[in-house]
Amino acid sequence: MSPCPFCRCDQVYLAEVEDGMLTVACPSCSMSGPVSVDGDPEEARRGWEILCSRMCSHCRKNIIKHFTGRIRELKAEVALLKREAPPEVGSGGAEE
């Protein structure tokens, strides 16, 4: 089965939710897939794979967009910190 589309955990497993209904669940983030109401493990697995294929392509775009923006923010913070930091001793300052 595909790893969890949210946390990428590869320890997903079939879990009984109630009255013999099955789903695929992630032990790391607690995400679960569509429920197989008749308890068919193949139906639960198939539902999980469909969910993962749809979510992963959607998440990939959003994750890249999020991290690109976050990297830009962090670079700006680093530049600001470098401007505010006092010169290091031995770095060619007035004391040498």
PDB file of N, CA and C in Angstrom:
ATOM      1  N   MET A   1       0.843  -1.193   0.000  1.00  0.00           N
ATOM      2  CA  MET A   1       0.000   0.000   0.000  1.00  0.00           C
ATOM      3  C   MET A   1       0.881   1.246   0.000  1.00  0.00           C
ATOM      4  N   SER A   2       0.353   2.297  -0.540  1.00  0.00           N
ATOM      5  CA  SER A   2       1.079   3.563  -0.573  1.00  0.00           C
ATOM      6  C   SER A   2       1.235   4.111   0.835  1.00  0.00           C
ATOM      7  N   PRO A   3       2.328   4.854   1.072  1.00  0.00           N
ATOM      8  CA  PRO A   3       2.482   5.486   2.380  1.00  0.00           C
ATOM      9  C   PRO A   3       1.421   6.566   2.584  1.00  0.00           C
ATOM     10  N   CYS A   4       1.299   7.024   3.802  1.00  0.00           N
ATOM     11  CA  CYS A   4       0.322   8.055   4.141  1.00  0.00           C
ATOM     12  C   CYS A   4       0.606   9.323   3.329  1.00  0.00           C
ATOM     13  N   PRO A   5      -0.418   9.901   2.683  1.00  0.00           N
ATOM     14  CA  PRO A   5      -0.184  11.095   1.879  1.00  0.00           C
ATOM     15  C   PRO A   5       0.105  12.334   2.718  1.00  0.00           C
ATOM     16  N   PHE A   6      -0.209  12.300   4.012  1.00  0.00           N
ATOM     17  CA  PHE A   6       0.041  13.458   4.868  1.00  0.00           C
ATOM     18  C   PHE A   6       1.425  13.425   5.492  1.00  0.00           C
ATOM     19  N   CYS A   7       1.788  12.305   6.122  1.00  0.00           N
ATOM     20  CA  CYS A   7       3.055  12.265   6.869  1.00  0.00           C
ATOM     21  C   CYS A   7       4.092  11.339   6.247  1.00  0.00           C
ATOM     22  N   ARG A   8       3.742  10.640   5.174  1.00  0.00           N
ATOM     23  CA  ARG A   8       4.626   9.725   4.440  1.00  0.00           C
ATOM     24  C   ARG A   8       5.009   8.479   5.230  1.00  0.00           C
ATOM     25  N   CYS A   9       4.340   8.197   6.334  1.00  0.00           N
ATOM     26  CA  CYS A   9       4.595   6.982   7.108  1.00  0.00           C
ATOM     27  C   CYS A   9       4.274   5.772   6.237  1.00  0.00           C
ATOM     28  N   ASP A  10       5.169   4.791   6.237  1.00  0.00           N
ATOM     29  CA  ASP A  10       4.916   3.608   5.408  1.00  0.00           C
ATOM     30  C   ASP A  10       4.412   2.419   6.232  1.00  0.00           C
ATOM     31  N   GLN A  11       3.994   2.670   7.447  1.00  0.00           N
ATOM     32  CA  GLN A  11       3.484   1.616   8.326  1.00  0.00           C
ATOM     33  C   GLN A  11       1.955   1.581   8.367  1.00  0.00           C
ATOM     34  N   VAL A  12       1.293   2.004   7.278  1.00  0.00           N
ATOM     35  CA  VAL A  12      -0.173   1.991   7.245  1.00  0.00           C
ATOM     36  C   VAL A  12      -0.681   0.551   7.327  1.00  0.00           C
ATOM     37  N   TYR A  13      -1.877   0.374   7.852  1.00  0.00           N
ATOM     38  CA  TYR A  13      -2.416  -0.967   8.083  1.00  0.00           C
ATOM     39  C   TYR A  13      -3.929  -0.971   7.933  1.00  0.00           C
ATOM     40  N   LEU A  14      -4.504  -2.160   7.723  1.00  0.00           N
ATOM     41  CA  LEU A  14      -5.960  -2.316   7.693  1.00  0.00           C
ATOM     42  C   LEU A  14      -6.478  -2.282   9.119  1.00  0.00           C
ATOM     43  N   ALA A  15      -7.517  -1.506   9.339  1.00  0.00           N
ATOM     44  CA  ALA A  15      -8.087  -1.391  10.683  1.00  0.00           C
ATOM     45  C   ALA A  15      -9.598  -1.587  10.609  1.00  0.00           C
ATOM     46  N   GLU A  16     -10.132  -2.285  11.599  1.00  0.00           N
ATOM     47  CA  GLU A  16     -11.578  -2.440  11.681  1.00  0.00           C
ATOM     48  C   GLU A  16     -12.122  -1.234  12.434  1.00  0.00           C
ATOM     49  N   VAL A  17     -13.086  -0.549  11.828  1.00  0.00           N
ATOM     50  CA  VAL A  17     -13.638   0.637  12.475  1.00  0.00           C
ATOM     51  C   VAL A  17     -14.866   0.321  13.309  1.00  0.00           C
ATOM     52  N   GLU A  18     -15.794  -0.439  12.780  1.00  0.00           N
ATOM     53  CA  GLU A  18     -16.955  -0.897  13.546  1.00  0.00           C
ATOM     54  C   GLU A  18     -17.741  -1.903  12.726  1.00  0.00           C
ATOM     55  N   ASP A  19     -18.346  -2.831  13.399  1.00  0.00           N
ATOM     56  CA  ASP A  19     -19.212  -3.828  12.753  1.00  0.00           C
ATOM     57  C   ASP A  19     -18.597  -4.460  11.510  1.00  0.00           C
ATOM     58  N   GLY A  20     -17.291  -4.728  11.543  1.00  0.00           N
ATOM     59  CA  GLY A  20     -16.636  -5.408  10.430  1.00  0.00           C
ATOM     60  C   GLY A  20     -16.228  -4.510   9.278  1.00  0.00           C
ATOM     61  N   MET A  21     -16.499  -3.204   9.384  1.00  0.00           N
ATOM     62  CA  MET A  21     -16.072  -2.286   8.323  1.00  0.00           C
ATOM     63  C   MET A  21     -14.565  -2.062   8.445  1.00  0.00           C
ATOM     64  N   LEU A  22     -13.890  -2.005   7.289  1.00  0.00           N
ATOM     65  CA  LEU A  22     -12.434  -1.838   7.272  1.00  0.00           C
ATOM     66  C   LEU A  22     -12.029  -0.528   6.627  1.00  0.00           C
ATOM     67  N   THR A  23     -10.895  -0.028   7.066  1.00  0.00           N
ATOM     68  CA  THR A  23     -10.272   1.142   6.467  1.00  0.00           C
ATOM     69  C   THR A  23      -8.767   0.954   6.550  1.00  0.00           C
ATOM     70  N   VAL A  24      -8.033   1.762   5.839  1.00  0.00           N
ATOM     71  CA  VAL A  24      -6.581   1.787   5.989  1.00  0.00           C
ATOM     72  C   VAL A  24      -6.273   2.967   6.893  1.00  0.00           C
ATOM     73  N   ALA A  25      -5.409   2.740   7.885  1.00  0.00           N
ATOM     74  CA  ALA A  25      -5.111   3.776   8.870  1.00  0.00           C
ATOM     75  C   ALA A  25      -3.610   3.997   8.988  1.00  0.00           C
ATOM     76  N   CYS A  26      -3.249   5.193   9.408  1.00  0.00           N
ATOM     77  CA  CYS A  26      -1.846   5.550   9.621  1.00  0.00           C
ATOM     78  C   CYS A  26      -1.587   5.647  11.127  1.00  0.00           C
ATOM     79  N   PRO A  27      -0.612   4.901  11.643  1.00  0.00           N
ATOM     80  CA  PRO A  27      -0.330   4.948  13.068  1.00  0.00           C
ATOM     81  C   PRO A  27       0.383   6.229  13.487  1.00  0.00           C
ATOM     82  N   SER A  28       0.966   6.928  12.545  1.00  0.00           N
ATOM     83  CA  SER A  28       1.747   8.121  12.867  1.00  0.00           C
ATOM     84  C   SER A  28       0.874   9.369  13.038  1.00  0.00           C
ATOM     85  N   CYS A  29       0.002   9.640  12.070  1.00  0.00           N
ATOM     86  CA  CYS A  29      -0.808  10.867  12.134  1.00  0.00           C
ATOM     87  C   CYS A  29      -2.301  10.605  12.313  1.00  0.00           C
ATOM     88  N   SER A  30      -2.693   9.340  12.365  1.00  0.00           N
ATOM     89  CA  SER A  30      -4.090   8.919  12.579  1.00  0.00           C
ATOM     90  C   SER A  30      -5.012   9.158  11.386  1.00  0.00           C
ATOM     91  N   MET A  31      -4.461   9.477  10.233  1.00  0.00           N
ATOM     92  CA  MET A  31      -5.301   9.612   9.044  1.00  0.00           C
ATOM     93  C   MET A  31      -5.850   8.246   8.671  1.00  0.00           C
ATOM     94  N   SER A  32      -7.058   8.209   8.147  1.00  0.00           N
ATOM     95  CA  SER A  32      -7.606   6.945   7.668  1.00  0.00           C
ATOM     96  C   SER A  32      -8.273   7.179   6.322  1.00  0.00           C
ATOM     97  N   GLY A  33      -8.371   6.113   5.561  1.00  0.00           N
ATOM     98  CA  GLY A  33      -8.915   6.214   4.216  1.00  0.00           C
ATOM     99  C   GLY A  33     -10.396   5.928   4.177  1.00  0.00           C
ATOM    100  N   PRO A  34     -10.951   5.791   2.985  1.00  0.00           N
ATOM    101  CA  PRO A  34     -12.363   5.447   2.848  1.00  0.00           C
ATOM    102  C   PRO A  34     -12.664   4.107   3.523  1.00  0.00           C
ATOM    103  N   VAL A  35     -13.866   3.958   3.992  1.00  0.00           N
ATOM    104  CA  VAL A  35     -14.278   2.749   4.709  1.00  0.00           C
ATOM    105  C   VAL A  35     -14.915   1.765   3.744  1.00  0.00           C
ATOM    106  N   SER A  36     -14.505   0.509   3.863  1.00  0.00           N
ATOM    107  CA  SER A  36     -15.148  -0.574   3.131  1.00  0.00           C
ATOM    108  C   SER A  36     -16.282  -1.078   4.016  1.00  0.00           C
ATOM    109  N   VAL A  37     -17.518  -0.734   3.658  1.00  0.00           N
ATOM    110  CA  VAL A  37     -18.654  -1.050   4.519  1.00  0.00           C
ATOM    111  C   VAL A  37     -18.948  -2.539   4.619  1.00  0.00           C
ATOM    112  N   ASP A  38     -18.542  -3.311   3.599  1.00  0.00           N
ATOM    113  CA  ASP A  38     -18.814  -4.749   3.672  1.00  0.00           C
ATOM    114  C   ASP A  38     -17.614  -5.538   4.205  1.00  0.00           C
ATOM    115  N   GLY A  39     -16.558  -4.808   4.644  1.00  0.00           N
ATOM    116  CA  GLY A  39     -15.408  -5.472   5.238  1.00  0.00           C
ATOM    117  C   GLY A  39     -14.449  -6.101   4.244  1.00  0.00           C
ATOM    118  N   ASP A  40     -14.547  -5.721   2.979  1.00  0.00           N
ATOM    119  CA  ASP A  40     -13.662  -6.263   1.949  1.00  0.00           C
ATOM    120  C   ASP A  40     -12.303  -5.553   2.019  1.00  0.00           C
ATOM    121  N   PRO A  41     -11.238  -6.287   2.394  1.00  0.00           N
ATOM    122  CA  PRO A  41      -9.924  -5.645   2.514  1.00  0.00           C
ATOM    123  C   PRO A  41      -9.414  -5.060   1.200  1.00  0.00           C
ATOM    124  N   GLU A  42      -9.737  -5.704   0.080  1.00  0.00           N
ATOM    125  CA  GLU A  42      -9.292  -5.173  -1.212  1.00  0.00           C
ATOM    126  C   GLU A  42      -9.982  -3.853  -1.530  1.00  0.00           C
ATOM    127  N   GLU A  43     -11.245  -3.729  -1.163  1.00  0.00           N
ATOM    128  CA  GLU A  43     -11.968  -2.474  -1.381  1.00  0.00           C
ATOM    129  C   GLU A  43     -11.352  -1.360  -0.534  1.00  0.00           C
ATOM    130  N   ALA A  44     -10.996  -1.674   0.707  1.00  0.00           N
ATOM    131  CA  ALA A  44     -10.361  -0.682   1.580  1.00  0.00           C
ATOM    132  C   ALA A  44      -9.006  -0.255   1.006  1.00  0.00           C
ATOM    133  N   ARG A  45      -8.225  -1.218   0.547  1.00  0.00           N
ATOM    134  CA  ARG A  45      -6.916  -0.909  -0.059  1.00  0.00           C
ATOM    135  C   ARG A  45      -7.075  -0.065  -1.322  1.00  0.00           C
ATOM    136  N   ARG A  46      -8.032  -0.443  -2.165  1.00  0.00           N
ATOM    137  CA  ARG A  46      -8.288   0.290  -3.403  1.00  0.00           C
ATOM    138  C   ARG A  46      -8.705   1.735  -3.094  1.00  0.00           C
ATOM    139  N   GLY A  47      -9.569   1.899  -2.115  1.00  0.00           N
ATOM    140  CA  GLY A  47      -9.987   3.243  -1.705  1.00  0.00           C
ATOM    141  C   GLY A  47      -8.810   4.076  -1.220  1.00  0.00           C
ATOM    142  N   TRP A  48      -7.909   3.438  -0.467  1.00  0.00           N
ATOM    143  CA  TRP A  48      -6.712   4.122   0.037  1.00  0.00           C
ATOM    144  C   TRP A  48      -5.827   4.583  -1.125  1.00  0.00           C
ATOM    145  N   GLU A  49      -5.614   3.689  -2.086  1.00  0.00           N
ATOM    146  CA  GLU A  49      -4.759   4.027  -3.230  1.00  0.00           C
ATOM    147  C   GLU A  49      -5.349   5.178  -4.041  1.00  0.00           C
ATOM    148  N   ILE A  50      -6.663   5.171  -4.236  1.00  0.00           N
ATOM    149  CA  ILE A  50      -7.322   6.259  -4.968  1.00  0.00           C
ATOM    150  C   ILE A  50      -7.174   7.558  -4.192  1.00  0.00           C
ATOM    151  N   LEU A  51      -7.414   7.499  -2.894  1.00  0.00           N
ATOM    152  CA  LEU A  51      -7.274   8.680  -2.040  1.00  0.00           C
ATOM    153  C   LEU A  51      -5.855   9.230  -2.121  1.00  0.00           C
ATOM    154  N   CYS A  52      -4.860   8.350  -1.993  1.00  0.00           N
ATOM    155  CA  CYS A  52      -3.460   8.776  -2.029  1.00  0.00           C
ATOM    156  C   CYS A  52      -3.081   9.393  -3.361  1.00  0.00           C
ATOM    157  N   SER A  53      -3.532   8.787  -4.448  1.00  0.00           N
ATOM    158  CA  SER A  53      -3.153   9.319  -5.762  1.00  0.00           C
ATOM    159  C   SER A  53      -3.751  10.697  -5.992  1.00  0.00           C
ATOM    160  N   ARG A  54      -4.952  10.929  -5.510  1.00  0.00           N
ATOM    161  CA  ARG A  54      -5.585  12.241  -5.691  1.00  0.00           C
ATOM    162  C   ARG A  54      -5.002  13.269  -4.737  1.00  0.00           C
ATOM    163  N   MET A  55      -4.806  12.888  -3.507  1.00  0.00           N
ATOM    164  CA  MET A  55      -4.308  13.838  -2.509  1.00  0.00           C
ATOM    165  C   MET A  55      -2.857  14.194  -2.760  1.00  0.00           C
ATOM    166  N   CYS A  56      -2.069  13.225  -3.143  1.00  0.00           N
ATOM    167  CA  CYS A  56      -0.640  13.484  -3.309  1.00  0.00           C
ATOM    168  C   CYS A  56      -0.377  14.506  -4.401  1.00  0.00           C
ATOM    169  N   SER A  57      -1.080  14.419  -5.521  1.00  0.00           N
ATOM    170  CA  SER A  57      -0.835  15.399  -6.578  1.00  0.00           C
ATOM    171  C   SER A  57      -1.300  16.776  -6.130  1.00  0.00           C
ATOM    172  N   HIS A  58      -2.397  16.840  -5.394  1.00  0.00           N
ATOM    173  CA  HIS A  58      -2.890  18.107  -4.875  1.00  0.00           C
ATOM    174  C   HIS A  58      -1.942  18.649  -3.805  1.00  0.00           C
ATOM    175  N   CYS A  59      -1.531  17.781  -2.890  1.00  0.00           N
ATOM    176  CA  CYS A  59      -0.651  18.202  -1.801  1.00  0.00           C
ATOM    177  C   CYS A  59       0.712  18.631  -2.319  1.00  0.00           C
ATOM    178  N   ARG A  60       1.207  17.935  -3.323  1.00  0.00           N
ATOM    179  CA  ARG A  60       2.537  18.257  -3.851  1.00  0.00           C
ATOM    180  C   ARG A  60       2.605  19.713  -4.285  1.00  0.00           C
ATOM    181  N   LYS A  61       1.582  20.173  -5.022  1.00  0.00           N
ATOM    182  CA  LYS A  61       1.572  21.560  -5.483  1.00  0.00           C
ATOM    183  C   LYS A  61       1.531  22.519  -4.299  1.00  0.00           C
ATOM    184  N   ASN A  62       0.683  22.235  -3.328  1.00  0.00           N
ATOM    185  CA  ASN A  62       0.558  23.122  -2.179  1.00  0.00           C
ATOM    186  C   ASN A  62       1.790  23.093  -1.286  1.00  0.00           C
ATOM    187  N   ILE A  63       2.404  21.934  -1.133  1.00  0.00           N
ATOM    188  CA  ILE A  63       3.599  21.826  -0.309  1.00  0.00           C
ATOM    189  C   ILE A  63       4.740  22.617  -0.948  1.00  0.00           C
ATOM    190  N   ILE A  64       4.924  22.475  -2.256  1.00  0.00           N
ATOM    191  CA  ILE A  64       5.984  23.218  -2.942  1.00  0.00           C
ATOM    192  C   ILE A  64       5.747  24.716  -2.794  1.00  0.00           C
ATOM    193  N   LYS A  65       4.509  25.135  -2.971  1.00  0.00           N
ATOM    194  CA  LYS A  65       4.163  26.550  -2.841  1.00  0.00           C
ATOM    195  C   LYS A  65       4.452  27.035  -1.414  1.00  0.00           C
ATOM    196  N   HIS A  66       4.052  26.253  -0.422  1.00  0.00           N
ATOM    197  CA  HIS A  66       4.279  26.617   0.977  1.00  0.00           C
ATOM    198  C   HIS A  66       5.765  26.721   1.287  1.00  0.00           C
ATOM    199  N   PHE A  67       6.532  25.697   0.915  1.00  0.00           N
ATOM    200  CA  PHE A  67       7.945  25.687   1.272  1.00  0.00           C
ATOM    201  C   PHE A  67       8.750  26.713   0.491  1.00  0.00           C
ATOM    202  N   THR A  68       8.364  27.000  -0.736  1.00  0.00           N
ATOM    203  CA  THR A  68       9.049  28.043  -1.499  1.00  0.00           C
ATOM    204  C   THR A  68       8.891  29.384  -0.786  1.00  0.00           C
ATOM    205  N   GLY A  69       7.687  29.672  -0.340  1.00  0.00           N
ATOM    206  CA  GLY A  69       7.446  30.910   0.409  1.00  0.00           C
ATOM    207  C   GLY A  69       8.189  30.925   1.733  1.00  0.00           C
ATOM    208  N   ARG A  70       8.200  29.799   2.423  1.00  0.00           N
ATOM    209  CA  ARG A  70       8.880  29.718   3.719  1.00  0.00           C
ATOM    210  C   ARG A  70      10.389  29.861   3.561  1.00  0.00           C
ATOM    211  N   ILE A  71      10.957  29.268   2.527  1.00  0.00           N
ATOM    212  CA  ILE A  71      12.391  29.401   2.278  1.00  0.00           C
ATOM    213  C   ILE A  71      12.732  30.871   2.020  1.00  0.00           C
ATOM    214  N   ARG A  72      11.905  31.546   1.256  1.00  0.00           N
ATOM    215  CA  ARG A  72      12.110  32.974   0.986  1.00  0.00           C
ATOM    216  C   ARG A  72      12.104  33.764   2.295  1.00  0.00           C
ATOM    217  N   GLU A  73      11.142  33.464   3.185  1.00  0.00           N
ATOM    218  CA  GLU A  73      11.070  34.149   4.477  1.00  0.00           C
ATOM    219  C   GLU A  73      12.317  33.897   5.326  1.00  0.00           C
ATOM    220  N   LEU A  74      12.760  32.651   5.361  1.00  0.00           N
ATOM    221  CA  LEU A  74      13.940  32.310   6.160  1.00  0.00           C
ATOM    222  C   LEU A  74      15.206  32.975   5.623  1.00  0.00           C
ATOM    223  N   LYS A  75      15.343  33.045   4.307  1.00  0.00           N
ATOM    224  CA  LYS A  75      16.496  33.727   3.723  1.00  0.00           C
ATOM    225  C   LYS A  75      16.493  35.206   4.099  1.00  0.00           C
ATOM    226  N   ALA A  76      15.332  35.822   4.100  1.00  0.00           N
ATOM    227  CA  ALA A  76      15.228  37.232   4.484  1.00  0.00           C
ATOM    228  C   ALA A  76      15.606  37.408   5.960  1.00  0.00           C
ATOM    229  N   GLU A  77      15.182  36.489   6.823  1.00  0.00           N
ATOM    230  CA  GLU A  77      15.541  36.556   8.244  1.00  0.00           C
ATOM    231  C   GLU A  77      17.042  36.399   8.446  1.00  0.00           C
ATOM    232  N   VAL A  78      17.661  35.476   7.715  1.00  0.00           N
ATOM    233  CA  VAL A  78      19.109  35.268   7.819  1.00  0.00           C
ATOM    234  C   VAL A  78      19.848  36.533   7.387  1.00  0.00           C
ATOM    235  N   ALA A  79      19.429  37.135   6.292  1.00  0.00           N
ATOM    236  CA  ALA A  79      20.063  38.368   5.814  1.00  0.00           C
ATOM    237  C   ALA A  79      19.933  39.472   6.852  1.00  0.00           C
ATOM    238  N   LEU A  80      18.789  39.597   7.466  1.00  0.00           N
ATOM    239  CA  LEU A  80      18.564  40.600   8.498  1.00  0.00           C
ATOM    240  C   LEU A  80      19.459  40.342   9.705  1.00  0.00           C
ATOM    241  N   LEU A  81      19.558  39.102  10.132  1.00  0.00           N
ATOM    242  CA  LEU A  81      20.410  38.761  11.271  1.00  0.00           C
ATOM    243  C   LEU A  81      21.875  39.046  10.970  1.00  0.00           C
ATOM    244  N   LYS A  82      22.305  38.791   9.754  1.00  0.00           N
ATOM    245  CA  LYS A  82      23.700  39.062   9.379  1.00  0.00           C
ATOM    246  C   LYS A  82      23.989  40.557   9.430  1.00  0.00           C
ATOM    247  N   ARG A  83      23.015  41.378   9.031  1.00  0.00           N
ATOM    248  CA  ARG A  83      23.209  42.829   9.069  1.00  0.00           C
ATOM    249  C   ARG A  83      23.269  43.345  10.499  1.00  0.00           C
ATOM    250  N   GLU A  84      22.507  42.727  11.405  1.00  0.00           N
ATOM    251  CA  GLU A  84      22.439  43.180  12.796  1.00  0.00           C
ATOM    252  C   GLU A  84      23.542  42.612  13.670  1.00  0.00           C
ATOM    253  N   ALA A  85      24.192  41.544  13.251  1.00  0.00           N
ATOM    254  CA  ALA A  85      25.209  40.890  14.074  1.00  0.00           C
ATOM    255  C   ALA A  85      26.465  41.758  14.147  1.00  0.00           C
ATOM    256  N   PRO A  86      27.085  41.857  15.351  1.00  0.00           N
ATOM    257  CA  PRO A  86      28.339  42.610  15.460  1.00  0.00           C
ATOM    258  C   PRO A  86      29.447  41.858  14.738  1.00  0.00           C
ATOM    259  N   PRO A  87      30.482  42.580  14.276  1.00  0.00           N
ATOM    260  CA  PRO A  87      31.578  41.894  13.581  1.00  0.00           C
ATOM    261  C   PRO A  87      32.286  40.931  14.525  1.00  0.00           C
ATOM    262  N   GLU A  88      32.705  39.808  13.987  1.00  0.00           N
ATOM    263  CA  GLU A  88      33.399  38.808  14.799  1.00  0.00           C
ATOM    264  C   GLU A  88      34.839  39.227  15.006  1.00  0.00           C
ATOM    265  N   VAL A  89      35.394  38.880  16.166  1.00  0.00           N
ATOM    266  CA  VAL A  89      36.802  39.161  16.463  1.00  0.00           C
ATOM    267  C   VAL A  89      37.660  38.338  15.510  1.00  0.00           C
ATOM    268  N   GLY A  90      38.644  38.961  14.916  1.00  0.00           N
ATOM    269  CA  GLY A  90      39.514  38.267  13.976  1.00  0.00           C
ATOM    270  C   GLY A  90      38.960  38.181  12.579  1.00  0.00           C
ATOM    271  N   SER A  91      37.901  38.924  12.302  1.00  0.00           N
ATOM    272  CA  SER A  91      37.306  38.855  10.971  1.00  0.00           C
ATOM    273  C   SER A  91      37.698  40.053  10.118  1.00  0.00           C
ATOM    274  N   GLY A  92      38.837  40.673  10.454  1.00  0.00           N
ATOM    275  CA  GLY A  92      39.282  41.801   9.654  1.00  0.00           C
ATOM    276  C   GLY A  92      38.736  43.132  10.148  1.00  0.00           C
ATOM    277  N   GLY A  93      38.272  43.167  11.380  1.00  0.00           N
ATOM    278  CA  GLY A  93      37.730  44.398  11.957  1.00  0.00           C
ATOM    279  C   GLY A  93      38.844  45.352  12.353  1.00  0.00           C
ATOM    280  N   ALA A  94      38.540  46.431  13.057  1.00  0.00           N
ATOM    281  CA  ALA A  94      39.491  47.482  13.431  1.00  0.00           C
ATOM    282  C   ALA A  94      40.504  47.011  14.445  1.00  0.00           C
ATOM    283  N   GLU A  95      40.263  45.945  15.169  1.00  0.00           N
ATOM    284  CA  GLU A  95      41.159  45.507  16.227  1.00  0.00           C
ATOM    285  C   GLU A  95      42.379  44.764  15.705  1.00  0.00           C
ATOM    286  N   GLU A  96      42.460  44.413  14.459  1.00  0.00           N
ATOM    287  CA  GLU A  96      43.605  43.686  13.911  1.00  0.00           C
ATOM    288  C   GLU A  96      44.614  44.624  13.343  1.00  0.00           C
TER     289      GLU A  96
END
